[in-house]
Structure formats: C-alpha cells, structure tokens
PDB file of N, CA and C in Angstrom:
ATOM      1  N   MET A   1       9.529  18.032 -19.321  1.00  0.00           N
ATOM      2  CA  MET A   1       9.882  16.969 -18.402  1.00  0.00           C
ATOM      3  C   MET A   1      10.818  15.994 -19.117  1.00  0.00           C
ATOM      4  N   HIS A   2      11.843  15.564 -18.464  1.00  0.00           N
ATOM      5  CA  HIS A   2      12.813  14.673 -19.085  1.00  0.00           C
ATOM      6  C   HIS A   2      12.733  13.272 -18.479  1.00  0.00           C
ATOM      7  N   SER A   3      13.421  12.336 -19.081  1.00  0.00           N
ATOM      8  CA  SER A   3      13.340  10.949 -18.615  1.00  0.00           C
ATOM      9  C   SER A   3      14.668  10.450 -18.033  1.00  0.00           C
ATOM     10  N   TRP A   4      15.464  11.345 -17.446  1.00  0.00           N
ATOM     11  CA  TRP A   4      16.726  10.930 -16.841  1.00  0.00           C
ATOM     12  C   TRP A   4      16.510   9.931 -15.719  1.00  0.00           C
ATOM     13  N   ARG A   5      15.407  10.049 -15.025  1.00  0.00           N
ATOM     14  CA  ARG A   5      15.163   9.156 -13.901  1.00  0.00           C
ATOM     15  C   ARG A   5      15.014   7.708 -14.358  1.00  0.00           C
ATOM     16  N   LEU A   6      14.626   7.481 -15.617  1.00  0.00           N
ATOM     17  CA  LEU A   6      14.475   6.116 -16.113  1.00  0.00           C
ATOM     18  C   LEU A   6      15.815   5.407 -16.263  1.00  0.00           C
ATOM     19  N   LEU A   7      16.892   6.161 -16.331  1.00  0.00           N
ATOM     20  CA  LEU A   7      18.207   5.545 -16.438  1.00  0.00           C
ATOM     21  C   LEU A   7      18.583   4.777 -15.168  1.00  0.00           C
ATOM     22  N   TRP A   8      17.948   5.085 -14.043  1.00  0.00           N
ATOM     23  CA  TRP A   8      18.221   4.420 -12.782  1.00  0.00           C
ATOM     24  C   TRP A   8      17.388   3.153 -12.593  1.00  0.00           C
ATOM     25  N   SER A   9      16.436   2.877 -13.457  1.00  0.00           N
ATOM     26  CA  SER A   9      15.526   1.751 -13.246  1.00  0.00           C
ATOM     27  C   SER A   9      16.257   0.412 -13.192  1.00  0.00           C
ATOM     28  N   TRP A  10      17.363   0.251 -13.915  1.00  0.00           N
ATOM     29  CA  TRP A  10      18.117  -1.008 -13.888  1.00  0.00           C
ATOM     30  C   TRP A  10      18.668  -1.295 -12.494  1.00  0.00           C
ATOM     31  N   LEU A  11      18.938  -0.250 -11.722  1.00  0.00           N
ATOM     32  CA  LEU A  11      19.507  -0.419 -10.395  1.00  0.00           C
ATOM     33  C   LEU A  11      18.506  -1.070  -9.433  1.00  0.00           C
ATOM     34  N   PHE A  12      17.232  -0.744  -9.582  1.00  0.00           N
ATOM     35  CA  PHE A  12      16.205  -1.227  -8.665  1.00  0.00           C
ATOM     36  C   PHE A  12      15.492  -2.478  -9.164  1.00  0.00           C
ATOM     37  N   ALA A  13      15.764  -2.928 -10.379  1.00  0.00           N
ATOM     38  CA  ALA A  13      15.085  -4.093 -10.950  1.00  0.00           C
ATOM     39  C   ALA A  13      15.275  -5.367 -10.118  1.00  0.00           C
ATOM     40  N   PRO A  14      16.486  -5.711  -9.655  1.00  0.00           N
ATOM     41  CA  PRO A  14      16.625  -6.941  -8.844  1.00  0.00           C
ATOM     42  C   PRO A  14      15.787  -6.907  -7.562  1.00  0.00           C
ATOM     43  N   ALA A  15      15.719  -5.770  -6.912  1.00  0.00           N
ATOM     44  CA  ALA A  15      14.923  -5.661  -5.682  1.00  0.00           C
ATOM     45  C   ALA A  15      13.443  -5.827  -5.985  1.00  0.00           C
ATOM     46  N   ARG A  16      12.975  -5.262  -7.084  1.00  0.00           N
ATOM     47  CA  ARG A  16      11.569  -5.416  -7.463  1.00  0.00           C
ATOM     48  C   ARG A  16      11.242  -6.873  -7.760  1.00  0.00           C
ATOM     49  N   LYS A  17      12.159  -7.598  -8.384  1.00  0.00           N
ATOM     50  CA  LYS A  17      11.931  -9.017  -8.674  1.00  0.00           C
ATOM     51  C   LYS A  17      11.857  -9.833  -7.393  1.00  0.00           C
ATOM     52  N   ARG A  18      12.749  -9.550  -6.420  1.00  0.00           N
ATOM     53  CA  ARG A  18      12.725 -10.269  -5.154  1.00  0.00           C
ATOM     54  C   ARG A  18      11.408 -10.049  -4.424  1.00  0.00           C
ATOM     55  N   VAL A  19      10.942  -8.815  -4.399  1.00  0.00           N
ATOM     56  CA  VAL A  19       9.692  -8.496  -3.696  1.00  0.00           C
ATOM     57  C   VAL A  19       8.508  -9.154  -4.390  1.00  0.00           C
ATOM     58  N   SER A  20       8.503  -9.202  -5.706  1.00  0.00           N
ATOM     59  CA  SER A  20       7.364  -9.776  -6.426  1.00  0.00           C
ATOM     60  C   SER A  20       7.249 -11.280  -6.204  1.00  0.00           C
ATOM     61  N   ARG A  21       8.324 -11.951  -5.795  1.00  0.00           N
ATOM     62  CA  ARG A  21       8.266 -13.383  -5.524  1.00  0.00           C
ATOM     63  C   ARG A  21       7.755 -13.697  -4.127  1.00  0.00           C
ATOM     64  N   LYS A  22       7.682 -12.705  -3.261  1.00  0.00           N
ATOM     65  CA  LYS A  22       7.176 -12.940  -1.906  1.00  0.00           C
ATOM     66  C   LYS A  22       5.666 -13.197  -1.960  1.00  0.00           C
ATOM     67  N   PRO A  23       5.160 -14.012  -1.031  1.00  0.00           N
ATOM     68  CA  PRO A  23       3.711 -14.289  -1.031  1.00  0.00           C
ATOM     69  C   PRO A  23       2.913 -13.063  -0.585  1.00  0.00           C
ATOM     70  N   ARG A  24       1.674 -13.008  -1.039  1.00  0.00           N
ATOM     71  CA  ARG A  24       0.775 -11.937  -0.594  1.00  0.00           C
ATOM     72  C   ARG A  24       0.404 -12.173   0.874  1.00  0.00           C
ATOM     73  N   TRP A  25      -0.084 -11.138   1.521  1.00  0.00           N
ATOM     74  CA  TRP A  25      -0.526 -11.261   2.902  1.00  0.00           C
ATOM     75  C   TRP A  25      -1.746 -12.166   2.954  1.00  0.00           C
ATOM     76  N   ASP A  26      -1.813 -12.981   3.981  1.00  0.00           N
ATOM     77  CA  ASP A  26      -2.939 -13.883   4.166  1.00  0.00           C
ATOM     78  C   ASP A  26      -4.054 -13.120   4.882  1.00  0.00           C
ATOM     79  N   THR A  27      -4.980 -12.588   4.099  1.00  0.00           N
ATOM     80  CA  THR A  27      -6.099 -11.825   4.667  1.00  0.00           C
ATOM     81  C   THR A  27      -7.404 -12.396   4.138  1.00  0.00           C
ATOM     82  N   PRO A  28      -8.481 -12.293   4.911  1.00  0.00           N
ATOM     83  CA  PRO A  28      -9.779 -12.723   4.397  1.00  0.00           C
ATOM     84  C   PRO A  28     -10.152 -11.902   3.157  1.00  0.00           C
ATOM     85  N   GLU A  29     -10.950 -12.484   2.291  1.00  0.00           N
ATOM     86  CA  GLU A  29     -11.325 -11.807   1.052  1.00  0.00           C
ATOM     87  C   GLU A  29     -11.959 -10.437   1.310  1.00  0.00           C
ATOM     88  N   GLU A  30     -12.768 -10.342   2.372  1.00  0.00           N
ATOM     89  CA  GLU A  30     -13.433  -9.076   2.662  1.00  0.00           C
ATOM     90  C   GLU A  30     -12.474  -7.992   3.140  1.00  0.00           C
ATOM     91  N   TRP A  31     -11.261  -8.379   3.611  1.00  0.00           N
ATOM     92  CA  TRP A  31     -10.288  -7.400   4.085  1.00  0.00           C
ATOM     93  C   TRP A  31      -9.025  -7.367   3.235  1.00  0.00           C
ATOM     94  N   GLY A  32      -9.083  -7.883   2.035  1.00  0.00           N
ATOM     95  CA  GLY A  32      -7.937  -7.872   1.135  1.00  0.00           C
ATOM     96  C   GLY A  32      -7.624  -6.471   0.636  1.00  0.00           C
ATOM     97  N   PRO A  33      -6.632  -6.355  -0.263  1.00  0.00           N
ATOM     98  CA  PRO A  33      -6.233  -5.042  -0.767  1.00  0.00           C
ATOM     99  C   PRO A  33      -7.329  -4.371  -1.588  1.00  0.00           C
ATOM    100  N   GLY A  34      -7.337  -3.053  -1.583  1.00  0.00           N
ATOM    101  CA  GLY A  34      -8.292  -2.277  -2.368  1.00  0.00           C
ATOM    102  C   GLY A  34      -9.118  -1.353  -1.504  1.00  0.00           C
ATOM    103  N   HIS A  35     -10.124  -0.737  -2.115  1.00  0.00           N
ATOM    104  CA  HIS A  35     -10.998   0.196  -1.400  1.00  0.00           C
ATOM    105  C   HIS A  35     -12.102  -0.578  -0.693  1.00  0.00           C
ATOM    106  N   HIS A  36     -12.365  -0.186   0.527  1.00  0.00           N
ATOM    107  CA  HIS A  36     -13.456  -0.753   1.310  1.00  0.00           C
ATOM    108  C   HIS A  36     -14.309   0.424   1.759  1.00  0.00           C
ATOM    109  N   LEU A  37     -15.340   0.678   0.995  1.00  0.00           N
ATOM    110  CA  LEU A  37     -16.174   1.837   1.264  1.00  0.00           C
ATOM    111  C   LEU A  37     -16.936   1.651   2.552  1.00  0.00           C
ATOM    112  N   PRO A  38     -17.168   2.688   3.321  1.00  0.00           N
ATOM    113  CA  PRO A  38     -17.030   4.088   2.972  1.00  0.00           C
ATOM    114  C   PRO A  38     -15.691   4.721   3.338  1.00  0.00           C
ATOM    115  N   ASN A  39     -14.793   4.022   4.079  1.00  0.00           N
ATOM    116  CA  ASN A  39     -13.670   4.814   4.583  1.00  0.00           C
ATOM    117  C   ASN A  39     -12.304   4.140   4.634  1.00  0.00           C
ATOM    118  N   ILE A  40     -12.125   2.937   4.123  1.00  0.00           N
ATOM    119  CA  ILE A  40     -10.843   2.246   4.282  1.00  0.00           C
ATOM    120  C   ILE A  40     -10.208   1.942   2.929  1.00  0.00           C
ATOM    121  N   PHE A  41      -8.890   2.115   2.877  1.00  0.00           N
ATOM    122  CA  PHE A  41      -8.112   1.712   1.703  1.00  0.00           C
ATOM    123  C   PHE A  41      -6.951   0.862   2.180  1.00  0.00           C
ATOM    124  N   ARG A  42      -6.748  -0.286   1.535  1.00  0.00           N
ATOM    125  CA  ARG A  42      -5.646  -1.184   1.893  1.00  0.00           C
ATOM    126  C   ARG A  42      -4.815  -1.476   0.666  1.00  0.00           C
ATOM    127  N   ASN A  43      -3.500  -1.564   0.869  1.00  0.00           N
ATOM    128  CA  ASN A  43      -2.602  -1.890  -0.225  1.00  0.00           C
ATOM    129  C   ASN A  43      -1.575  -2.903   0.256  1.00  0.00           C
ATOM    130  N   ASP A  44      -1.406  -3.964  -0.515  1.00  0.00           N
ATOM    131  CA  ASP A  44      -0.468  -5.032  -0.182  1.00  0.00           C
ATOM    132  C   ASP A  44       0.808  -4.827  -0.985  1.00  0.00           C
ATOM    133  N   HIS A  45       1.902  -4.472  -0.304  1.00  0.00           N
ATOM    134  CA  HIS A  45       3.191  -4.263  -0.964  1.00  0.00           C
ATOM    135  C   HIS A  45       4.082  -5.491  -0.833  1.00  0.00           C
ATOM    136  N   ARG A  46       3.511  -6.615  -0.431  1.00  0.00           N
ATOM    137  CA  ARG A  46       4.196  -7.897  -0.232  1.00  0.00           C
ATOM    138  C   ARG A  46       5.132  -7.891   0.971  1.00  0.00           C
ATOM    139  N   THR A  47       5.868  -6.831   1.221  1.00  0.00           N
ATOM    140  CA  THR A  47       6.722  -6.778   2.405  1.00  0.00           C
ATOM    141  C   THR A  47       6.034  -6.043   3.543  1.00  0.00           C
ATOM    142  N   ASN A  48       5.018  -5.261   3.234  1.00  0.00           N
ATOM    143  CA  ASN A  48       4.248  -4.573   4.259  1.00  0.00           C
ATOM    144  C   ASN A  48       2.817  -4.360   3.773  1.00  0.00           C
ATOM    145  N   MET A  49       1.897  -4.211   4.721  1.00  0.00           N
ATOM    146  CA  MET A  49       0.491  -3.945   4.413  1.00  0.00           C
ATOM    147  C   MET A  49       0.182  -2.543   4.907  1.00  0.00           C
ATOM    148  N   TYR A  50      -0.324  -1.723   4.004  1.00  0.00           N
ATOM    149  CA  TYR A  50      -0.606  -0.320   4.294  1.00  0.00           C
ATOM    150  C   TYR A  50      -2.122  -0.140   4.343  1.00  0.00           C
ATOM    151  N   THR A  51      -2.623   0.445   5.411  1.00  0.00           N
ATOM    152  CA  THR A  51      -4.061   0.680   5.565  1.00  0.00           C
ATOM    153  C   THR A  51      -4.290   2.142   5.937  1.00  0.00           C
ATOM    154  N   ARG A  52      -5.225   2.792   5.230  1.00  0.00           N
ATOM    155  CA  ARG A  52      -5.597   4.179   5.539  1.00  0.00           C
ATOM    156  C   ARG A  52      -7.079   4.182   5.894  1.00  0.00           C
ATOM    157  N   ASN A  53      -7.409   4.803   7.007  1.00  0.00           N
ATOM    158  CA  ASN A  53      -8.777   4.863   7.484  1.00  0.00           C
ATOM    159  C   ASN A  53      -9.178   6.316   7.653  1.00  0.00           C
ATOM    160  N   SER A  54     -10.279   6.715   7.048  1.00  0.00           N
ATOM    161  CA  SER A  54     -10.796   8.082   7.179  1.00  0.00           C
ATOM    162  C   SER A  54     -11.876   8.099   8.245  1.00  0.00           C
ATOM    163  N   VAL A  55     -11.719   8.992   9.228  1.00  0.00           N
ATOM    164  CA  VAL A  55     -12.685   9.104  10.312  1.00  0.00           C
ATOM    165  C   VAL A  55     -13.339  10.478  10.231  1.00  0.00           C
ATOM    166  N   PRO A  56     -14.662  10.532   9.995  1.00  0.00           N
ATOM    167  CA  PRO A  56     -15.322  11.840   9.918  1.00  0.00           C
ATOM    168  C   PRO A  56     -15.383  12.496  11.296  1.00  0.00           C
ATOM    169  N   ILE A  57     -15.060  13.790  11.320  1.00  0.00           N
ATOM    170  CA  ILE A  57     -15.117  14.570  12.549  1.00  0.00           C
ATOM    171  C   ILE A  57     -16.337  15.475  12.524  1.00  0.00           C
ATOM    172  N   THR A  58     -16.424  16.297  11.491  1.00  0.00           N
ATOM    173  CA  THR A  58     -17.598  17.142  11.265  1.00  0.00           C
ATOM    174  C   THR A  58     -18.024  16.951   9.815  1.00  0.00           C
ATOM    175  N   GLU A  59     -18.975  17.741   9.370  1.00  0.00           N
ATOM    176  CA  GLU A  59     -19.463  17.629   7.994  1.00  0.00           C
ATOM    177  C   GLU A  59     -18.363  17.916   6.972  1.00  0.00           C
ATOM    178  N   ASN A  60     -17.472  18.834   7.277  1.00  0.00           N
ATOM    179  CA  ASN A  60     -16.424  19.226   6.329  1.00  0.00           C
ATOM    180  C   ASN A  60     -15.007  18.864   6.789  1.00  0.00           C
ATOM    181  N   LEU A  61     -14.882  18.045   7.815  1.00  0.00           N
ATOM    182  CA  LEU A  61     -13.568  17.727   8.352  1.00  0.00           C
ATOM    183  C   LEU A  61     -13.465  16.234   8.651  1.00  0.00           C
ATOM    184  N   SER A  62     -12.343  15.644   8.272  1.00  0.00           N
ATOM    185  CA  SER A  62     -12.100  14.243   8.600  1.00  0.00           C
ATOM    186  C   SER A  62     -10.632  14.068   8.967  1.00  0.00           C
ATOM    187  N   ARG A  63     -10.356  13.003   9.692  1.00  0.00           N
ATOM    188  CA  ARG A  63      -8.991  12.673  10.091  1.00  0.00           C
ATOM    189  C   ARG A  63      -8.572  11.411   9.344  1.00  0.00           C
ATOM    190  N   GLN A  64      -7.293  11.346   8.982  1.00  0.00           N
ATOM    191  CA  GLN A  64      -6.732  10.176   8.315  1.00  0.00           C
ATOM    192  C   GLN A  64      -5.877   9.421   9.323  1.00  0.00           C
ATOM    193  N   ILE A  65      -6.133   8.145   9.461  1.00  0.00           N
ATOM    194  CA  ILE A  65      -5.345   7.298  10.342  1.00  0.00           C
ATOM    195  C   ILE A  65      -4.652   6.265   9.471  1.00  0.00           C
ATOM    196  N   TYR A  66      -3.339   6.145   9.614  1.00  0.00           N
ATOM    197  CA  TYR A  66      -2.542   5.241   8.799  1.00  0.00           C
ATOM    198  C   TYR A  66      -1.993   4.111   9.656  1.00  0.00           C
ATOM    199  N   PHE A  67      -2.094   2.890   9.131  1.00  0.00           N
ATOM    200  CA  PHE A  67      -1.529   1.720   9.771  1.00  0.00           C
ATOM    201  C   PHE A  67      -0.561   1.071   8.799  1.00  0.00           C
ATOM    202  N   LYS A  68       0.538   0.594   9.313  1.00  0.00           N
ATOM    203  CA  LYS A  68       1.490  -0.111   8.462  1.00  0.00           C
ATOM    204  C   LYS A  68       1.960  -1.347   9.205  1.00  0.00           C
ATOM    205  N   ALA A  69       1.663  -2.522   8.643  1.00  0.00           N
ATOM    206  CA  ALA A  69       2.116  -3.780   9.211  1.00  0.00           C
ATOM    207  C   ALA A  69       3.298  -4.269   8.387  1.00  0.00           C
ATOM    208  N   VAL A  70       4.374  -4.665   9.071  1.00  0.00           N
ATOM    209  CA  VAL A  70       5.612  -5.054   8.381  1.00  0.00           C
ATOM    210  C   VAL A  70       5.965  -6.489   8.732  1.00  0.00           C
ATOM    211  N   ARG A  71       6.410  -7.222   7.732  1.00  0.00           N
ATOM    212  CA  ARG A  71       6.872  -8.591   7.961  1.00  0.00           C
ATOM    213  C   ARG A  71       8.339  -8.569   8.383  1.00  0.00           C
ATOM    214  N   PRO A  72       8.720  -9.522   9.218  1.00  0.00           N
ATOM    215  CA  PRO A  72      10.142  -9.588   9.592  1.00  0.00           C
ATOM    216  C   PRO A  72      10.993 -10.054   8.415  1.00  0.00           C
TER     217      PRO A  72
END
C-alpha cells in the first residue's frame, strides 16, 4: 500500500478548518452523537447530522434506516 493519497491532504485542509469552526448541533445530551443502544448510532459532522437506526425484522434479519439532517 502506498501513501500517494496523502499528497492531496493539503488541498482539503482549508475546508476541514472551516467545518471544524462551525458549532455542533444543538441536541439534548441523551440524543447527542455516539451509540445509543440497542439500535441507534448518531454522528455529528457539524454541517450535517447522520443517524442510523437498526430495526429487527426476524431473529436473523434486520433493516437499516438512515437519516441525514443538513444545515442550510
């Protein structure tokens, strides 16, 4: 495996800095980012909030439902 892809990191650095200065989503502590057992995962990307919910169907089958909230 080579590290050619790291040569592009300088190109995306300004965008990463801009995003890191944005405020976090205003969510209650119980619904903040991270795992919420038994079935929810939330991630705060500062510009959007990503939520994945697992819904059991049968003993060996589940469905994944994805939500994405975006700021203007």
